Amino acid sequence: MQSEEVIQGNVCDVEKASTQIKYSNFIFVTLVLMAVALFYVWSHIHMTELEYLVAAEMSIKEKLIEEQTKLKVEIATLKSPQRLEAIAKEQLQMTYPTRDQVIILNNDDAAGANKATPQ
């Protein structure tokens, strides 16, 4: 009788141990799956945030390109010969030189002057 109780006790202990192993494996697998799911959700959220940042930077880039285009047009307008001539005549009271005021230099004279000057 005692031997039967010992055998039954051993069988019960073995069944409890195998049940505990099954539960611990189930818990381990569940924890791993939860970790993978959390990583997936985190990476998806992170990717969405990055997409919003990229969209914002693209918007800024487009605005800067527009501003650059406007500034190029403004530079071209400010450098226009007609505008500069008008400013020279109206604000600076400049006129075209007369024939007496024009001095023509020959290239030979300019080259000789450059060679004669010590450097």
N, C-alpha and C. Protein backbone atom coordinates (compact mmCIF):
# COMPACT_ATOMS: atom_id res chain seq x y z
N MET A 1 0.79 -1.18 0.00
CA MET A 1 0.00 0.00 0.00
C MET A 1 0.85 1.27 0.00
N GLN A 2 1.85 1.21 0.79
CA GLN A 2 2.76 2.36 0.82
C GLN A 2 3.44 2.53 -0.53
N SER A 3 3.75 1.45 -1.13
CA SER A 3 4.43 1.55 -2.42
C SER A 3 3.49 2.12 -3.47
N GLU A 4 2.19 1.76 -3.35
CA GLU A 4 1.24 2.32 -4.29
C GLU A 4 1.09 3.84 -4.08
N GLU A 5 1.10 4.27 -2.83
CA GLU A 5 1.00 5.70 -2.55
C GLU A 5 2.24 6.44 -3.06
N VAL A 6 3.39 5.83 -2.89
CA VAL A 6 4.63 6.44 -3.37
C VAL A 6 4.60 6.54 -4.88
N ILE A 7 4.14 5.45 -5.53
CA ILE A 7 4.07 5.45 -6.99
C ILE A 7 3.07 6.50 -7.46
N GLN A 8 1.90 6.56 -6.80
CA GLN A 8 0.90 7.55 -7.18
C GLN A 8 1.41 8.96 -6.91
N GLY A 9 2.15 9.13 -5.83
CA GLY A 9 2.73 10.43 -5.50
C GLY A 9 3.75 10.84 -6.56
N ASN A 10 4.55 9.86 -6.99
CA ASN A 10 5.54 10.16 -8.03
C ASN A 10 4.86 10.50 -9.35
N VAL A 11 3.78 9.75 -9.66
CA VAL A 11 3.04 10.01 -10.90
C VAL A 11 2.40 11.40 -10.83
N CYS A 12 1.84 11.76 -9.68
CA CYS A 12 1.23 13.08 -9.52
C CYS A 12 2.29 14.17 -9.64
N ASP A 13 3.46 13.93 -9.05
CA ASP A 13 4.55 14.91 -9.14
C ASP A 13 5.00 15.08 -10.59
N VAL A 14 5.08 13.99 -11.32
CA VAL A 14 5.49 14.04 -12.72
C VAL A 14 4.44 14.78 -13.54
N GLU A 15 3.16 14.52 -13.27
CA GLU A 15 2.09 15.21 -14.00
C GLU A 15 2.10 16.71 -13.68
N LYS A 16 2.33 17.07 -12.40
CA LYS A 16 2.40 18.48 -12.02
C LYS A 16 3.59 19.15 -12.71
N ALA A 17 4.72 18.47 -12.74
CA ALA A 17 5.92 19.03 -13.35
C ALA A 17 5.71 19.23 -14.85
N SER A 18 5.10 18.25 -15.51
CA SER A 18 4.87 18.39 -16.95
C SER A 18 3.85 19.50 -17.23
N THR A 19 2.85 19.65 -16.36
CA THR A 19 1.87 20.72 -16.51
C THR A 19 2.54 22.07 -16.31
N GLN A 20 3.42 22.16 -15.31
CA GLN A 20 4.14 23.40 -15.07
C GLN A 20 5.05 23.75 -16.25
N ILE A 21 5.68 22.74 -16.84
CA ILE A 21 6.54 22.98 -18.01
C ILE A 21 5.69 23.50 -19.16
N LYS A 22 4.51 22.91 -19.35
CA LYS A 22 3.63 23.36 -20.43
C LYS A 22 3.21 24.81 -20.19
N TYR A 23 2.86 25.14 -18.95
CA TYR A 23 2.47 26.51 -18.63
C TYR A 23 3.65 27.48 -18.78
N SER A 24 4.82 27.09 -18.36
CA SER A 24 5.98 27.98 -18.48
C SER A 24 6.34 28.18 -19.96
N ASN A 25 6.22 27.14 -20.77
CA ASN A 25 6.45 27.29 -22.21
C ASN A 25 5.40 28.22 -22.81
N PHE A 26 4.16 28.05 -22.41
CA PHE A 26 3.07 28.90 -22.92
C PHE A 26 3.32 30.36 -22.53
N ILE A 27 3.72 30.58 -21.28
CA ILE A 27 3.99 31.95 -20.82
C ILE A 27 5.17 32.53 -21.58
N PHE A 28 6.22 31.74 -21.78
CA PHE A 28 7.39 32.21 -22.52
C PHE A 28 7.03 32.59 -23.95
N VAL A 29 6.28 31.72 -24.63
CA VAL A 29 5.87 31.99 -26.00
C VAL A 29 4.98 33.23 -26.06
N THR A 30 4.09 33.36 -25.08
CA THR A 30 3.21 34.53 -25.03
C THR A 30 4.01 35.81 -24.84
N LEU A 31 5.00 35.78 -23.96
CA LEU A 31 5.84 36.95 -23.73
C LEU A 31 6.64 37.31 -24.98
N VAL A 32 7.16 36.32 -25.67
CA VAL A 32 7.92 36.58 -26.90
C VAL A 32 7.01 37.20 -27.96
N LEU A 33 5.81 36.65 -28.12
CA LEU A 33 4.86 37.19 -29.09
C LEU A 33 4.47 38.63 -28.74
N MET A 34 4.28 38.90 -27.46
CA MET A 34 3.95 40.27 -27.04
C MET A 34 5.11 41.22 -27.33
N ALA A 35 6.33 40.75 -27.08
CA ALA A 35 7.49 41.60 -27.36
C ALA A 35 7.59 41.90 -28.86
N VAL A 36 7.36 40.90 -29.68
CA VAL A 36 7.40 41.10 -31.13
C VAL A 36 6.30 42.06 -31.56
N ALA A 37 5.11 41.90 -30.99
CA ALA A 37 3.99 42.78 -31.34
C ALA A 37 4.28 44.22 -30.91
N LEU A 38 4.84 44.40 -29.73
CA LEU A 38 5.19 45.75 -29.26
C LEU A 38 6.27 46.36 -30.13
N PHE A 39 7.25 45.58 -30.54
CA PHE A 39 8.29 46.10 -31.43
C PHE A 39 7.69 46.52 -32.77
N TYR A 40 6.77 45.73 -33.29
CA TYR A 40 6.13 46.05 -34.56
C TYR A 40 5.34 47.36 -34.45
N VAL A 41 4.58 47.50 -33.38
CA VAL A 41 3.78 48.71 -33.18
C VAL A 41 4.70 49.92 -33.01
N TRP A 42 5.77 49.76 -32.22
CA TRP A 42 6.71 50.87 -32.02
C TRP A 42 7.35 51.28 -33.35
N SER A 43 7.79 50.31 -34.13
CA SER A 43 8.44 50.64 -35.40
C SER A 43 7.45 51.31 -36.37
N HIS A 44 6.19 50.87 -36.34
CA HIS A 44 5.18 51.48 -37.21
C HIS A 44 4.93 52.94 -36.80
N ILE A 45 4.83 53.19 -35.51
CA ILE A 45 4.63 54.55 -35.00
C ILE A 45 5.84 55.42 -35.34
N HIS A 46 7.03 54.87 -35.16
CA HIS A 46 8.26 55.61 -35.48
C HIS A 46 8.31 55.94 -36.97
N MET A 47 7.94 55.02 -37.81
CA MET A 47 7.93 55.25 -39.26
C MET A 47 6.92 56.34 -39.62
N THR A 48 5.77 56.33 -38.98
CA THR A 48 4.76 57.36 -39.24
C THR A 48 5.28 58.73 -38.84
N GLU A 49 5.95 58.83 -37.70
CA GLU A 49 6.53 60.10 -37.27
C GLU A 49 7.57 60.59 -38.27
N LEU A 50 8.40 59.67 -38.76
CA LEU A 50 9.41 60.05 -39.75
C LEU A 50 8.76 60.53 -41.05
N GLU A 51 7.67 59.90 -41.45
CA GLU A 51 6.97 60.33 -42.66
C GLU A 51 6.43 61.75 -42.50
N TYR A 52 5.91 62.07 -41.31
CA TYR A 52 5.42 63.43 -41.06
C TYR A 52 6.59 64.43 -41.11
N LEU A 53 7.73 64.05 -40.54
CA LEU A 53 8.89 64.94 -40.58
C LEU A 53 9.37 65.17 -42.01
N VAL A 54 9.39 64.12 -42.81
CA VAL A 54 9.81 64.25 -44.20
C VAL A 54 8.84 65.17 -44.95
N ALA A 55 7.55 64.99 -44.71
CA ALA A 55 6.55 65.84 -45.38
C ALA A 55 6.74 67.30 -44.98
N ALA A 56 7.01 67.55 -43.72
CA ALA A 56 7.22 68.93 -43.26
C ALA A 56 8.48 69.52 -43.90
N GLU A 57 9.54 68.74 -43.99
CA GLU A 57 10.78 69.22 -44.61
C GLU A 57 10.58 69.47 -46.10
N MET A 58 9.81 68.64 -46.76
CA MET A 58 9.53 68.85 -48.19
C MET A 58 8.74 70.15 -48.39
N SER A 59 7.81 70.42 -47.48
CA SER A 59 7.04 71.66 -47.56
C SER A 59 7.96 72.86 -47.39
N ILE A 60 8.88 72.79 -46.44
CA ILE A 60 9.84 73.87 -46.22
C ILE A 60 10.71 74.05 -47.45
N LYS A 61 11.13 72.93 -48.05
CA LYS A 61 11.96 73.00 -49.26
C LYS A 61 11.22 73.71 -50.38
N GLU A 62 9.95 73.38 -50.57
CA GLU A 62 9.16 74.02 -51.63
C GLU A 62 9.04 75.52 -51.39
N LYS A 63 8.81 75.91 -50.13
CA LYS A 63 8.71 77.34 -49.81
C LYS A 63 10.03 78.05 -50.09
N LEU A 64 11.14 77.41 -49.75
CA LEU A 64 12.44 78.01 -49.99
C LEU A 64 12.74 78.12 -51.48
N ILE A 65 12.32 77.14 -52.25
CA ILE A 65 12.52 77.21 -53.70
C ILE A 65 11.72 78.37 -54.28
N GLU A 66 10.48 78.55 -53.82
CA GLU A 66 9.66 79.68 -54.26
C GLU A 66 10.33 81.01 -53.92
N GLU A 67 10.83 81.10 -52.69
CA GLU A 67 11.48 82.34 -52.25
C GLU A 67 12.74 82.60 -53.08
N GLN A 68 13.50 81.54 -53.38
CA GLN A 68 14.69 81.69 -54.20
C GLN A 68 14.34 82.20 -55.59
N THR A 69 13.27 81.67 -56.16
CA THR A 69 12.83 82.12 -57.49
C THR A 69 12.45 83.60 -57.45
N LYS A 70 11.70 84.00 -56.44
CA LYS A 70 11.31 85.41 -56.31
C LYS A 70 12.53 86.31 -56.15
N LEU A 71 13.52 85.84 -55.38
CA LEU A 71 14.73 86.65 -55.18
C LEU A 71 15.55 86.76 -56.47
N LYS A 72 15.58 85.69 -57.25
CA LYS A 72 16.29 85.75 -58.53
C LYS A 72 15.63 86.76 -59.46
N VAL A 73 14.30 86.77 -59.47
CA VAL A 73 13.58 87.74 -60.30
C VAL A 73 13.88 89.15 -59.80
N GLU A 74 13.89 89.35 -58.49
CA GLU A 74 14.19 90.67 -57.93
C GLU A 74 15.60 91.12 -58.28
N ILE A 75 16.56 90.19 -58.22
CA ILE A 75 17.94 90.53 -58.58
C ILE A 75 18.00 90.95 -60.04
N ALA A 76 17.34 90.19 -60.90
CA ALA A 76 17.34 90.53 -62.33
C ALA A 76 16.73 91.90 -62.55
N THR A 77 15.68 92.21 -61.82
CA THR A 77 15.03 93.51 -61.94
C THR A 77 15.97 94.62 -61.47
N LEU A 78 16.62 94.41 -60.35
CA LEU A 78 17.51 95.44 -59.80
C LEU A 78 18.75 95.65 -60.67
N LYS A 79 19.20 94.62 -61.38
CA LYS A 79 20.38 94.73 -62.22
C LYS A 79 20.06 95.19 -63.64
N SER A 80 18.81 95.41 -63.94
CA SER A 80 18.43 95.75 -65.32
C SER A 80 19.09 97.06 -65.75
N PRO A 81 19.64 97.08 -66.96
CA PRO A 81 20.32 98.30 -67.44
C PRO A 81 19.39 99.51 -67.52
N GLN A 82 18.13 99.30 -67.86
CA GLN A 82 17.19 100.42 -67.93
C GLN A 82 17.02 101.07 -66.56
N ARG A 83 16.91 100.26 -65.53
CA ARG A 83 16.75 100.79 -64.17
C ARG A 83 18.01 101.54 -63.74
N LEU A 84 19.16 100.94 -64.00
CA LEU A 84 20.42 101.59 -63.61
C LEU A 84 20.61 102.91 -64.36
N GLU A 85 20.23 102.96 -65.63
CA GLU A 85 20.34 104.19 -66.40
C GLU A 85 19.42 105.28 -65.84
N ALA A 86 18.20 104.86 -65.47
CA ALA A 86 17.26 105.82 -64.90
C ALA A 86 17.79 106.38 -63.58
N ILE A 87 18.35 105.53 -62.75
CA ILE A 87 18.90 106.00 -61.47
C ILE A 87 20.07 106.95 -61.72
N ALA A 88 20.94 106.60 -62.67
CA ALA A 88 22.09 107.45 -62.97
C ALA A 88 21.64 108.82 -63.45
N LYS A 89 20.63 108.87 -64.29
CA LYS A 89 20.16 110.16 -64.82
C LYS A 89 19.41 110.97 -63.78
N GLU A 90 18.49 110.33 -63.05
CA GLU A 90 17.60 111.07 -62.15
C GLU A 90 18.25 111.38 -60.82
N GLN A 91 18.84 110.41 -60.18
CA GLN A 91 19.35 110.63 -58.83
C GLN A 91 20.78 111.17 -58.83
N LEU A 92 21.61 110.69 -59.75
CA LEU A 92 23.02 111.08 -59.75
C LEU A 92 23.32 112.18 -60.77
N GLN A 93 22.32 112.62 -61.54
CA GLN A 93 22.46 113.65 -62.57
C GLN A 93 23.64 113.34 -63.51
N MET A 94 23.76 112.09 -63.90
CA MET A 94 24.81 111.71 -64.83
C MET A 94 24.27 111.81 -66.25
N THR A 95 25.19 112.09 -67.18
CA THR A 95 24.82 112.14 -68.60
C THR A 95 25.85 111.33 -69.39
N TYR A 96 25.54 111.09 -70.65
CA TYR A 96 26.50 110.41 -71.51
C TYR A 96 27.65 111.38 -71.78
N PRO A 97 28.87 110.88 -71.90
CA PRO A 97 30.00 111.77 -72.16
C PRO A 97 29.95 112.32 -73.59
N THR A 98 30.47 113.52 -73.73
CA THR A 98 30.57 114.11 -75.06
C THR A 98 31.83 113.57 -75.74
N ARG A 99 31.99 113.89 -77.04
CA ARG A 99 33.15 113.38 -77.78
C ARG A 99 34.45 113.93 -77.17
N ASP A 100 34.41 115.12 -76.62
CA ASP A 100 35.62 115.72 -76.04
C ASP A 100 36.04 114.99 -74.77
N GLN A 101 35.12 114.40 -74.09
CA GLN A 101 35.41 113.73 -72.81
C GLN A 101 35.90 112.29 -72.99
N VAL A 102 35.80 111.74 -74.17
CA VAL A 102 36.17 110.35 -74.41
C VAL A 102 37.65 110.29 -74.79
N ILE A 103 38.41 109.44 -74.12
CA ILE A 103 39.81 109.22 -74.41
C ILE A 103 39.96 107.77 -74.85
N ILE A 104 40.52 107.59 -76.05
CA ILE A 104 40.67 106.24 -76.58
C ILE A 104 42.11 105.80 -76.34
N LEU A 105 42.27 104.63 -75.74
CA LEU A 105 43.58 104.05 -75.48
C LEU A 105 43.82 102.91 -76.44
N ASN A 106 44.98 102.85 -77.01
CA ASN A 106 45.34 101.71 -77.84
C ASN A 106 45.76 100.56 -76.96
N ASN A 107 45.57 99.37 -77.43
CA ASN A 107 45.98 98.19 -76.65
C ASN A 107 47.50 98.15 -76.50
N ASP A 108 48.23 98.61 -77.48
CA ASP A 108 49.69 98.60 -77.41
C ASP A 108 50.16 99.54 -76.30
N ASP A 109 49.54 100.70 -76.19
CA ASP A 109 49.92 101.66 -75.15
C ASP A 109 49.61 101.10 -73.77
N ALA A 110 48.48 100.41 -73.63
CA ALA A 110 48.10 99.84 -72.33
C ALA A 110 49.03 98.71 -71.96
N ALA A 111 49.44 97.89 -72.95
CA ALA A 111 50.35 96.77 -72.67
C ALA A 111 51.73 97.30 -72.30
N GLY A 112 52.21 98.34 -72.98
CA GLY A 112 53.51 98.93 -72.67
C GLY A 112 53.51 99.56 -71.29
N ALA A 113 52.41 100.18 -70.91
CA ALA A 113 52.32 100.81 -69.59
C ALA A 113 52.37 99.74 -68.51
N ASN A 114 51.74 98.62 -68.75
CA ASN A 114 51.74 97.54 -67.75
C ASN A 114 53.13 96.95 -67.60
N LYS A 115 53.91 96.85 -68.70
CA LYS A 115 55.26 96.27 -68.62
C LYS A 115 56.23 97.23 -67.93
N ALA A 116 56.02 98.52 -68.11
CA ALA A 116 56.93 99.51 -67.56
C ALA A 116 56.79 99.67 -66.06
N THR A 117 55.60 99.36 -65.51
CA THR A 117 55.39 99.54 -64.08
C THR A 117 56.02 98.39 -63.32
N PRO A 118 56.84 98.68 -62.28
CA PRO A 118 57.45 97.59 -61.49
C PRO A 118 56.40 96.88 -60.64
N GLN A 119 56.61 95.59 -60.56
CA GLN A 119 55.64 94.78 -59.78
C GLN A 119 56.30 94.10 -58.64
